[in-house]
Protein backbone atom coordinates (compact mmCIF):
# COMPACT_ATOMS: atom_id res chain seq x y z
CA MET A 1 17.35 -16.00 0.93
CA ASN A 2 17.26 -14.04 4.19
CA THR A 3 15.09 -15.92 6.71
CA GLU A 4 15.86 -13.99 9.91
CA PRO A 5 13.74 -10.94 9.09
CA GLN A 6 10.95 -13.17 7.78
CA ALA A 7 10.89 -15.06 11.07
CA VAL A 8 10.71 -11.87 13.11
CA ASP A 9 8.05 -10.45 10.82
CA GLY A 10 6.11 -13.70 11.19
CA LEU A 11 6.25 -13.41 14.97
CA ARG A 12 5.07 -9.82 14.76
CA LEU A 13 2.09 -10.91 12.67
CA LYS A 14 1.25 -13.99 14.77
CA LEU A 15 1.95 -12.76 18.31
CA GLY A 16 1.85 -9.00 17.89
CA ASP A 17 4.43 -6.29 18.40
CA THR A 18 4.05 -6.17 22.17
CA HIS A 19 4.55 -9.88 22.85
CA PRO A 20 7.75 -10.63 24.80
CA HIS A 21 8.82 -13.32 22.30
CA THR A 22 8.57 -10.82 19.46
CA ARG A 23 10.73 -8.27 21.26
CA GLU A 24 13.23 -10.94 22.33
CA SER A 25 13.56 -12.24 18.77
CA LEU A 26 14.06 -8.74 17.45
CA ASN A 27 16.78 -8.06 20.03
CA ASN A 28 18.44 -11.38 19.15
CA LEU A 29 18.43 -10.47 15.47
CA ILE A 30 19.99 -7.09 16.23
CA ASN A 31 22.69 -8.76 18.33
CA LEU A 32 23.38 -11.26 15.57
CA TYR A 33 23.88 -8.55 12.97
CA GLU A 34 26.19 -6.71 15.36
CA ALA A 35 28.23 -9.89 15.92
CA TRP A 36 28.48 -10.30 12.15
CA LYS A 37 29.82 -6.72 11.93
CA LYS A 38 26.79 -5.55 9.94
CA PRO A 39 25.87 -2.36 11.82
CA LYS A 40 23.63 -1.03 9.05
CA LYS A 41 21.41 -4.13 9.20
CA ALA A 42 21.39 -4.00 13.00
CA GLU A 43 20.34 -0.36 12.88
CA GLU A 44 17.54 -1.13 10.40
CA TRP A 45 16.00 -3.55 12.89
CA ARG A 46 16.84 -1.39 15.91
CA ALA A 47 14.77 1.37 14.32
CA LYS A 48 11.72 -0.90 14.64
CA LEU A 49 12.31 -1.46 18.35
CA PRO A 50 11.17 1.98 19.62
CA GLN A 51 7.97 1.60 17.63
CA ILE A 52 7.28 -1.69 19.39
CA GLU A 53 8.30 -0.41 22.82
CA ALA A 54 6.21 2.75 22.41
CA VAL A 55 3.12 0.54 22.12
CA ASN A 56 3.83 -0.81 25.62
CA GLU A 57 3.86 2.61 27.26
């Protein structure tokens, strides 16, 4: 079972995409996948980041 994405998705639902904790958790997940040498997974989650950041502008 993969709990990291579920946790981030839960934060997005509970706090919203623009909440700092949501963005921080998403960045942490991306960094974790990069450290694990899983660039495809990191890129999947990185693709969601511009959508979230665009809401802030």
